[in-house]
Amino acid sequence: MKWYFINTGAHTGKYNMNFDLHLANNSKPGEAVLRLYRWEPYCISLGANQDAASVNSGRASEDNIDIVARPTGGRAILHAEELTYSVILPLEDHSSARNIYNEINAALLKGLEIYNPGLSAAALENMQPDFASFYKQDVSAVCFAASAKSEIKFTGKKLVGSAQRKLKKSVLQHGSVLCGDFHTRIIHYLNTSDEGKERITETMKEKTTDIRSILGTEVDYVKLEESLVSGFESYFNMKIEEIPSGSIKIPASED
């Protein structure tokens, strides 16, 4: 497998989702892509099947926060103090989407350990929640209210949230490496009752954490980017070739 790395920096939600879709729709057999990026302005992304009415678009606009639909499933995420990753892998005969999900998170885990030994206690979730029951609760409006199997947790709290989708003969997986706690402010933009917001607030406090809170220092994003790349190289035992993001032309929209 030949690996490529693209660092696209900070862009709008529409740009980021179109870029991921473009990479997935144009993937080639025997080639994998790791992309790292951020969001400018901050952005709320909704899962592919989530009702847009669950978010107060007017209030988000007043606060200069984008809203975009993800091509993957799950629930709403406020992308702010985070480093986002995406991986595009071809679905080979010997692999499965589930195995890919586990391996990508294991590579991310290795990268976090490289970034700082203080993150070495992070681990993969080994249980799968009952999402059918979970989605009936108001707290399910936000993605970080529960951890799926193989997602990365630190002392029982989600540190990296991920989502995946099969596209043609490839798998797109992307997710958020939480670097600060701004994501918890998503409650201000949800169209739910005051009681629901209180439950969501408590749930996110109990079930999420971030690198800054764990280490007690601001995140060095450049170092974190380099560490995650090194983590993938170490886990998959290969050398990633970096390609400039400007060499890839993204259509205005991608189906």
C-alpha atoms as a PDB file:
ATOM      1  CA  MET A   1       0.000   0.000   0.000  1.00  0.00           C
ATOM      2  CA  LYS A   2       1.371   3.416  -1.015  1.00  0.00           C
ATOM      3  CA  TRP A   3       0.536   6.183   1.486  1.00  0.00           C
ATOM      4  CA  TYR A   4       0.200   9.907   0.814  1.00  0.00           C
ATOM      5  CA  PHE A   5      -0.181  12.792   3.271  1.00  0.00           C
ATOM      6  CA  ILE A   6      -1.961  16.109   2.669  1.00  0.00           C
ATOM      7  CA  ASN A   7      -2.063  19.012   5.121  1.00  0.00           C
ATOM      8  CA  THR A   8      -4.737  21.454   3.969  1.00  0.00           C
ATOM      9  CA  GLY A   9      -4.675  23.807   6.961  1.00  0.00           C
ATOM     10  CA  ALA A  10      -7.822  25.688   8.021  1.00  0.00           C
ATOM     11  CA  HIS A  11     -10.821  26.066   5.689  1.00  0.00           C
ATOM     12  CA  THR A  12     -14.605  26.341   5.714  1.00  0.00           C
ATOM     13  CA  GLY A  13     -16.836  23.392   6.496  1.00  0.00           C
ATOM     14  CA  LYS A  14     -17.998  23.095   2.877  1.00  0.00           C
ATOM     15  CA  TYR A  15     -14.422  23.049   1.601  1.00  0.00           C
ATOM     16  CA  ASN A  16     -13.364  20.423   4.132  1.00  0.00           C
ATOM     17  CA  MET A  17     -16.235  18.056   3.404  1.00  0.00           C
ATOM     18  CA  ASN A  18     -15.894  18.492  -0.379  1.00  0.00           C
ATOM     19  CA  PHE A  19     -12.170  17.769  -0.125  1.00  0.00           C
ATOM     20  CA  ASP A  20     -12.771  14.531   1.778  1.00  0.00           C
ATOM     21  CA  LEU A  21     -15.446  13.435  -0.703  1.00  0.00           C
ATOM     22  CA  HIS A  22     -13.219  14.261  -3.655  1.00  0.00           C
ATOM     23  CA  LEU A  23     -10.371  12.188  -2.262  1.00  0.00           C
ATOM     24  CA  ALA A  24     -12.704   9.254  -1.592  1.00  0.00           C
ATOM     25  CA  ASN A  25     -14.432   9.408  -4.975  1.00  0.00           C
ATOM     26  CA  ASN A  26     -11.106   9.544  -6.790  1.00  0.00           C
ATOM     27  CA  SER A  27      -9.152   6.984  -4.765  1.00  0.00           C
ATOM     28  CA  LYS A  28      -6.978   4.466  -6.589  1.00  0.00           C
ATOM     29  CA  PRO A  29      -6.295   0.792  -5.818  1.00  0.00           C
ATOM     30  CA  GLY A  30      -3.175   0.320  -3.726  1.00  0.00           C
ATOM     31  CA  GLU A  31      -3.123   3.951  -2.557  1.00  0.00           C
ATOM     32  CA  ALA A  32      -4.151   5.426   0.809  1.00  0.00           C
ATOM     33  CA  VAL A  33      -4.380   9.073   1.851  1.00  0.00           C
ATOM     34  CA  LEU A  34      -4.037  10.676   5.280  1.00  0.00           C
ATOM     35  CA  ARG A  35      -5.252  14.259   5.465  1.00  0.00           C
ATOM     36  CA  LEU A  36      -5.036  16.657   8.423  1.00  0.00           C
ATOM     37  CA  TYR A  37      -7.002  19.896   8.595  1.00  0.00           C
ATOM     38  CA  ARG A  38      -8.757  22.488  10.764  1.00  0.00           C
ATOM     39  CA  TRP A  39     -11.843  24.709  10.484  1.00  0.00           C
ATOM     40  CA  GLU A  40     -12.097  28.438   9.774  1.00  0.00           C
ATOM     41  CA  PRO A  41     -14.543  29.694  10.831  1.00  0.00           C
ATOM     42  CA  TYR A  42     -15.570  27.182  13.486  1.00  0.00           C
ATOM     43  CA  CYS A  43     -18.226  24.861  12.150  1.00  0.00           C
ATOM     44  CA  ILE A  44     -21.040  22.552  13.242  1.00  0.00           C
ATOM     45  CA  SER A  45     -21.188  19.414  11.129  1.00  0.00           C
ATOM     46  CA  LEU A  46     -24.310  17.274  11.057  1.00  0.00           C
ATOM     47  CA  GLY A  47     -24.407  13.549  10.427  1.00  0.00           C
ATOM     48  CA  ALA A  48     -25.622  12.529   6.964  1.00  0.00           C
ATOM     49  CA  ASN A  49     -29.015  11.440   8.307  1.00  0.00           C
ATOM     50  CA  GLN A  50     -29.443  14.132  10.945  1.00  0.00           C
ATOM     51  CA  ASP A  51     -32.256  16.690  10.674  1.00  0.00           C
ATOM     52  CA  ALA A  52     -30.845  20.177  10.071  1.00  0.00           C
ATOM     53  CA  ALA A  53     -33.671  21.558  12.221  1.00  0.00           C
ATOM     54  CA  SER A  54     -31.911  20.159  15.295  1.00  0.00           C
ATOM     55  CA  VAL A  55     -29.527  23.140  15.142  1.00  0.00           C
ATOM     56  CA  ASN A  56     -30.381  26.828  15.554  1.00  0.00           C
ATOM     57  CA  SER A  57     -28.882  28.145  12.321  1.00  0.00           C
ATOM     58  CA  GLY A  58     -29.697  31.762  13.160  1.00  0.00           C
ATOM     59  CA  ARG A  59     -27.746  31.756  16.388  1.00  0.00           C
ATOM     60  CA  ALA A  60     -24.844  29.925  14.750  1.00  0.00           C
ATOM     61  CA  SER A  61     -24.729  32.556  12.002  1.00  0.00           C
ATOM     62  CA  GLU A  62     -24.727  35.375  14.571  1.00  0.00           C
ATOM     63  CA  ASP A  63     -21.665  33.802  16.174  1.00  0.00           C
ATOM     64  CA  ASN A  64     -19.929  33.255  12.805  1.00  0.00           C
ATOM     65  CA  ILE A  65     -20.199  29.478  13.017  1.00  0.00           C
ATOM     66  CA  ASP A  66     -20.696  27.488   9.826  1.00  0.00           C
ATOM     67  CA  ILE A  67     -23.087  24.573   9.457  1.00  0.00           C
ATOM     68  CA  VAL A  68     -22.357  21.733   7.050  1.00  0.00           C
ATOM     69  CA  ALA A  69     -23.553  18.182   6.444  1.00  0.00           C
ATOM     70  CA  ARG A  70     -21.007  15.375   6.722  1.00  0.00           C
ATOM     71  CA  PRO A  71     -21.012  12.500   4.227  1.00  0.00           C
ATOM     72  CA  THR A  72     -20.656  10.184   7.237  1.00  0.00           C
ATOM     73  CA  GLY A  73     -23.171   9.298   9.923  1.00  0.00           C
ATOM     74  CA  GLY A  74     -23.379  10.217  13.566  1.00  0.00           C
ATOM     75  CA  ARG A  75     -24.645  13.375  15.225  1.00  0.00           C
ATOM     76  CA  ALA A  76     -23.701  17.057  15.516  1.00  0.00           C
ATOM     77  CA  ILE A  77     -20.137  18.150  16.265  1.00  0.00           C
ATOM     78  CA  LEU A  78     -18.852  21.664  16.898  1.00  0.00           C
ATOM     79  CA  HIS A  79     -15.455  21.719  15.184  1.00  0.00           C
ATOM     80  CA  ALA A  80     -13.312  24.284  16.978  1.00  0.00           C
ATOM     81  CA  GLU A  81     -10.286  23.506  19.118  1.00  0.00           C
ATOM     82  CA  GLU A  82      -9.386  20.296  17.344  1.00  0.00           C
ATOM     83  CA  LEU A  83      -7.181  18.725  14.719  1.00  0.00           C
ATOM     84  CA  THR A  84      -9.299  16.824  12.219  1.00  0.00           C
ATOM     85  CA  TYR A  85      -8.064  13.818  10.285  1.00  0.00           C
ATOM     86  CA  SER A  86      -9.403  11.944   7.304  1.00  0.00           C
ATOM     87  CA  VAL A  87      -8.195   8.682   5.832  1.00  0.00           C
ATOM     88  CA  ILE A  88      -9.155   7.202   2.485  1.00  0.00           C
ATOM     89  CA  LEU A  89      -8.367   3.533   2.045  1.00  0.00           C
ATOM     90  CA  PRO A  90      -9.312   1.169  -0.792  1.00  0.00           C
ATOM     91  CA  LEU A  91     -11.525  -1.729   0.220  1.00  0.00           C
ATOM     92  CA  GLU A  92      -9.257  -4.623  -0.656  1.00  0.00           C
ATOM     93  CA  ASP A  93     -10.458  -8.220  -0.685  1.00  0.00           C
ATOM     94  CA  HIS A  94      -8.578  -9.022   2.505  1.00  0.00           C
ATOM     95  CA  SER A  95      -9.912  -6.083   4.528  1.00  0.00           C
ATOM     96  CA  SER A  96     -13.210  -4.854   5.908  1.00  0.00           C
ATOM     97  CA  ALA A  97     -14.574  -1.482   6.969  1.00  0.00           C
ATOM     98  CA  ARG A  98     -14.586  -2.648  10.595  1.00  0.00           C
ATOM     99  CA  ASN A  99     -10.922  -3.676  10.477  1.00  0.00           C
ATOM    100  CA  ILE A 100     -10.013  -0.400   8.819  1.00  0.00           C
ATOM    101  CA  TYR A 101     -11.832   1.538  11.553  1.00  0.00           C
ATOM    102  CA  ASN A 102      -9.880  -0.271  14.249  1.00  0.00           C
ATOM    103  CA  GLU A 103      -6.507   0.090  12.515  1.00  0.00           C
ATOM    104  CA  ILE A 104      -6.887   3.806  11.808  1.00  0.00           C
ATOM    105  CA  ASN A 105      -7.706   4.484  15.452  1.00  0.00           C
ATOM    106  CA  ALA A 106      -4.758   2.348  16.549  1.00  0.00           C
ATOM    107  CA  ALA A 107      -2.492   4.465  14.318  1.00  0.00           C
ATOM    108  CA  LEU A 108      -3.939   7.658  15.811  1.00  0.00           C
ATOM    109  CA  LEU A 109      -3.334   6.239  19.267  1.00  0.00           C
ATOM    110  CA  LYS A 110       0.322   5.675  18.399  1.00  0.00           C
ATOM    111  CA  GLY A 111       0.582   9.268  17.172  1.00  0.00           C
ATOM    112  CA  LEU A 112      -0.843  10.634  20.412  1.00  0.00           C
ATOM    113  CA  GLU A 113       1.737   8.660  22.394  1.00  0.00           C
ATOM    114  CA  ILE A 114       4.480  10.132  20.214  1.00  0.00           C
ATOM    115  CA  TYR A 115       3.130  13.645  20.789  1.00  0.00           C
ATOM    116  CA  ASN A 116       3.339  13.348  24.562  1.00  0.00           C
ATOM    117  CA  PRO A 117       3.935  10.373  26.896  1.00  0.00           C
ATOM    118  CA  GLY A 118       1.243  11.872  29.107  1.00  0.00           C
ATOM    119  CA  LEU A 119      -1.289  10.540  26.586  1.00  0.00           C
ATOM    120  CA  SER A 120      -0.010   6.964  26.818  1.00  0.00           C
ATOM    121  CA  ALA A 121      -2.984   5.994  29.000  1.00  0.00           C
ATOM    122  CA  ALA A 122      -5.331   6.536  26.044  1.00  0.00           C
ATOM    123  CA  ALA A 123      -6.905   3.328  24.759  1.00  0.00           C
ATOM    124  CA  LEU A 124      -9.444   1.985  22.282  1.00  0.00           C
ATOM    125  CA  GLU A 125     -13.023   1.472  23.444  1.00  0.00           C
ATOM    126  CA  ASN A 126     -13.749  -2.270  23.576  1.00  0.00           C
ATOM    127  CA  MET A 127     -17.535  -2.116  23.879  1.00  0.00           C
ATOM    128  CA  GLN A 128     -20.196  -1.138  21.357  1.00  0.00           C
ATOM    129  CA  PRO A 129     -23.134   0.825  22.836  1.00  0.00           C
ATOM    130  CA  ASP A 130     -26.759   0.125  21.955  1.00  0.00           C
ATOM    131  CA  PHE A 131     -27.127   2.986  19.464  1.00  0.00           C
ATOM    132  CA  ALA A 132     -30.749   2.080  18.652  1.00  0.00           C
ATOM    133  CA  SER A 133     -31.706   2.913  22.236  1.00  0.00           C
ATOM    134  CA  PHE A 134     -29.208   5.768  22.531  1.00  0.00           C
ATOM    135  CA  TYR A 135     -30.662   7.651  19.537  1.00  0.00           C
ATOM    136  CA  LYS A 136     -34.043   7.804  21.301  1.00  0.00           C
ATOM    137  CA  GLN A 137     -32.519  10.068  23.977  1.00  0.00           C
ATOM    138  CA  ASP A 138     -32.144  13.846  23.647  1.00  0.00           C
ATOM    139  CA  VAL A 139     -28.426  13.600  24.477  1.00  0.00           C
ATOM    140  CA  SER A 140     -27.955  11.722  21.192  1.00  0.00           C
ATOM    141  CA  ALA A 141     -28.155  15.069  19.347  1.00  0.00           C
ATOM    142  CA  VAL A 142     -24.383  15.430  19.844  1.00  0.00           C
ATOM    143  CA  CYS A 143     -21.770  13.016  18.579  1.00  0.00           C
ATOM    144  CA  PHE A 144     -19.530  13.092  21.652  1.00  0.00           C
ATOM    145  CA  ALA A 145     -22.243  11.850  24.000  1.00  0.00           C
ATOM    146  CA  ALA A 146     -21.227   8.221  23.374  1.00  0.00           C
ATOM    147  CA  SER A 147     -18.186   6.234  22.209  1.00  0.00           C
ATOM    148  CA  ALA A 148     -18.326   3.572  19.527  1.00  0.00           C
ATOM    149  CA  LYS A 149     -16.174   0.475  19.686  1.00  0.00           C
ATOM    150  CA  SER A 150     -12.502   1.189  18.823  1.00  0.00           C
ATOM    151  CA  GLU A 151     -12.810   4.943  19.357  1.00  0.00           C
ATOM    152  CA  ILE A 152     -10.066   6.527  21.458  1.00  0.00           C
ATOM    153  CA  LYS A 153     -10.749   7.264  25.118  1.00  0.00           C
ATOM    154  CA  PHE A 154      -8.621   8.601  27.968  1.00  0.00           C
ATOM    155  CA  THR A 155      -9.532   7.388  31.454  1.00  0.00           C
ATOM    156  CA  GLY A 156     -13.003   6.515  30.208  1.00  0.00           C
ATOM    157  CA  LYS A 157     -13.682   9.767  28.321  1.00  0.00           C
ATOM    158  CA  LYS A 158     -13.761  10.167  24.551  1.00  0.00           C
ATOM    159  CA  LEU A 159     -10.701  11.973  23.203  1.00  0.00           C
ATOM    160  CA  VAL A 160     -11.074  11.233  19.480  1.00  0.00           C
ATOM    161  CA  GLY A 161     -14.424  10.824  17.739  1.00  0.00           C
ATOM    162  CA  SER A 162     -14.594   9.144  14.329  1.00  0.00           C
ATOM    163  CA  ALA A 163     -17.115   8.316  11.619  1.00  0.00           C
ATOM    164  CA  GLN A 164     -16.856   6.167   8.507  1.00  0.00           C
ATOM    165  CA  ARG A 165     -18.601   5.611   5.175  1.00  0.00           C
ATOM    166  CA  LYS A 166     -18.085   3.272   2.232  1.00  0.00           C
ATOM    167  CA  LEU A 167     -17.867   5.097  -1.099  1.00  0.00           C
ATOM    168  CA  LYS A 168     -17.588   3.025  -4.278  1.00  0.00           C
ATOM    169  CA  LYS A 169     -14.526   0.833  -3.658  1.00  0.00           C
ATOM    170  CA  SER A 170     -13.013   2.909  -0.874  1.00  0.00           C
ATOM    171  CA  VAL A 171     -13.631   3.820   2.746  1.00  0.00           C
ATOM    172  CA  LEU A 172     -13.692   7.394   4.005  1.00  0.00           C
ATOM    173  CA  GLN A 173     -13.046   7.794   7.702  1.00  0.00           C
ATOM    174  CA  HIS A 174     -12.638  11.140   9.404  1.00  0.00           C
ATOM    175  CA  GLY A 175     -12.728  12.385  12.944  1.00  0.00           C
ATOM    176  CA  SER A 176     -11.853  14.962  15.566  1.00  0.00           C
ATOM    177  CA  VAL A 177      -8.818  14.907  17.833  1.00  0.00           C
ATOM    178  CA  LEU A 178     -10.031  17.144  20.646  1.00  0.00           C
ATOM    179  CA  CYS A 179      -7.414  19.730  21.637  1.00  0.00           C
ATOM    180  CA  GLY A 180      -9.563  22.035  23.801  1.00  0.00           C
ATOM    181  CA  ASP A 181     -13.059  22.087  25.291  1.00  0.00           C
ATOM    182  CA  PHE A 182     -14.788  24.558  22.951  1.00  0.00           C
ATOM    183  CA  HIS A 183     -16.735  21.656  21.407  1.00  0.00           C
ATOM    184  CA  THR A 184     -18.880  21.498  24.557  1.00  0.00           C
ATOM    185  CA  ARG A 185     -20.449  24.851  23.624  1.00  0.00           C
ATOM    186  CA  ILE A 186     -22.524  23.103  20.984  1.00  0.00           C
ATOM    187  CA  ILE A 187     -25.390  23.133  23.487  1.00  0.00           C
ATOM    188  CA  HIS A 188     -25.864  26.852  22.725  1.00  0.00           C
ATOM    189  CA  TYR A 189     -26.849  25.971  19.150  1.00  0.00           C
ATOM    190  CA  LEU A 190     -29.161  23.017  19.692  1.00  0.00           C
ATOM    191  CA  ASN A 191     -32.916  23.298  19.298  1.00  0.00           C
ATOM    192  CA  THR A 192     -33.836  21.383  22.408  1.00  0.00           C
ATOM    193  CA  SER A 193     -35.414  22.094  25.780  1.00  0.00           C
ATOM    194  CA  ASP A 194     -33.546  23.657  28.696  1.00  0.00           C
ATOM    195  CA  GLU A 195     -33.769  20.310  30.471  1.00  0.00           C
ATOM    196  CA  GLY A 196     -32.303  18.591  27.415  1.00  0.00           C
ATOM    197  CA  LYS A 197     -29.436  21.074  27.278  1.00  0.00           C
ATOM    198  CA  GLU A 198     -28.679  20.442  30.948  1.00  0.00           C
ATOM    199  CA  ARG A 199     -28.536  16.685  30.344  1.00  0.00           C
ATOM    200  CA  ILE A 200     -26.312  17.156  27.304  1.00  0.00           C
ATOM    201  CA  THR A 201     -23.995  19.470  29.264  1.00  0.00           C
ATOM    202  CA  GLU A 202     -23.591  16.956  32.064  1.00  0.00           C
ATOM    203  CA  THR A 203     -23.134  14.082  29.624  1.00  0.00           C
ATOM    204  CA  MET A 204     -20.386  15.864  27.687  1.00  0.00           C
ATOM    205  CA  LYS A 205     -18.569  16.759  30.917  1.00  0.00           C
ATOM    206  CA  GLU A 206     -18.707  13.119  31.972  1.00  0.00           C
ATOM    207  CA  LYS A 207     -17.875  11.532  28.628  1.00  0.00           C
ATOM    208  CA  THR A 208     -15.392  13.803  26.806  1.00  0.00           C
ATOM    209  CA  THR A 209     -11.920  15.168  27.421  1.00  0.00           C
ATOM    210  CA  ASP A 210      -9.236  16.961  25.405  1.00  0.00           C
ATOM    211  CA  ILE A 211      -5.465  17.170  25.135  1.00  0.00           C
ATOM    212  CA  ARG A 212      -5.208  20.576  26.840  1.00  0.00           C
ATOM    213  CA  SER A 213      -7.232  19.389  29.826  1.00  0.00           C
ATOM    214  CA  ILE A 214      -5.195  16.202  30.126  1.00  0.00           C
ATOM    215  CA  LEU A 215      -1.749  17.778  29.827  1.00  0.00           C
ATOM    216  CA  GLY A 216      -2.498  21.203  31.325  1.00  0.00           C
ATOM    217  CA  THR A 217      -0.812  23.027  28.422  1.00  0.00           C
ATOM    218  CA  GLU A 218      -1.852  24.518  25.092  1.00  0.00           C
ATOM    219  CA  VAL A 219      -1.581  22.180  22.129  1.00  0.00           C
ATOM    220  CA  ASP A 220       1.287  22.581  19.669  1.00  0.00           C
ATOM    221  CA  TYR A 221      -0.658  21.851  16.492  1.00  0.00           C
ATOM    222  CA  VAL A 222       2.420  21.560  14.275  1.00  0.00           C
ATOM    223  CA  LYS A 223       3.973  19.021  16.625  1.00  0.00           C
ATOM    224  CA  LEU A 224       0.662  17.153  16.871  1.00  0.00           C
ATOM    225  CA  GLU A 225       0.402  16.968  13.077  1.00  0.00           C
ATOM    226  CA  GLU A 226       3.939  15.633  12.801  1.00  0.00           C
ATOM    227  CA  SER A 227       3.292  13.132  15.594  1.00  0.00           C
ATOM    228  CA  LEU A 228       0.145  11.747  13.983  1.00  0.00           C
ATOM    229  CA  VAL A 229       1.974  11.259  10.684  1.00  0.00           C
ATOM    230  CA  SER A 230       4.747   9.457  12.557  1.00  0.00           C
ATOM    231  CA  GLY A 231       2.141   7.342  14.314  1.00  0.00           C
ATOM    232  CA  PHE A 232       0.709   6.164  10.995  1.00  0.00           C
ATOM    233  CA  GLU A 233       4.190   5.452   9.644  1.00  0.00           C
ATOM    234  CA  SER A 234       5.048   3.446  12.742  1.00  0.00           C
ATOM    235  CA  TYR A 235       1.797   1.499  12.946  1.00  0.00           C
ATOM    236  CA  PHE A 236       1.578   0.633   9.252  1.00  0.00           C
ATOM    237  CA  ASN A 237       5.369   0.232   8.911  1.00  0.00           C
ATOM    238  CA  MET A 238       5.725   2.507   5.887  1.00  0.00           C
ATOM    239  CA  LYS A 239       6.884   5.974   4.816  1.00  0.00           C
ATOM    240  CA  ILE A 240       4.250   8.550   3.903  1.00  0.00           C
ATOM    241  CA  GLU A 241       4.870  10.781   0.884  1.00  0.00           C
ATOM    242  CA  GLU A 242       3.587  14.327   1.380  1.00  0.00           C
ATOM    243  CA  ILE A 243       1.873  16.034  -1.538  1.00  0.00           C
ATOM    244  CA  PRO A 244       0.894  19.749  -1.645  1.00  0.00           C
ATOM    245  CA  SER A 245      -2.792  20.424  -1.162  1.00  0.00           C
ATOM    246  CA  GLY A 246      -2.712  23.015  -3.933  1.00  0.00           C
ATOM    247  CA  SER A 247      -2.029  20.296  -6.490  1.00  0.00           C
ATOM    248  CA  ILE A 248      -5.547  18.905  -5.960  1.00  0.00           C
ATOM    249  CA  LYS A 249      -8.422  20.792  -7.556  1.00  0.00           C
ATOM    250  CA  ILE A 250     -11.713  20.412  -5.710  1.00  0.00           C
ATOM    251  CA  PRO A 251     -15.046  20.896  -7.520  1.00  0.00           C
ATOM    252  CA  ALA A 252     -17.545  23.303  -5.978  1.00  0.00           C
ATOM    253  CA  SER A 253     -19.635  20.316  -4.890  1.00  0.00           C
ATOM    254  CA  GLU A 254     -19.086  16.591  -4.722  1.00  0.00           C
ATOM    255  CA  ASP A 255     -21.820  13.949  -4.766  1.00  0.00           C
END
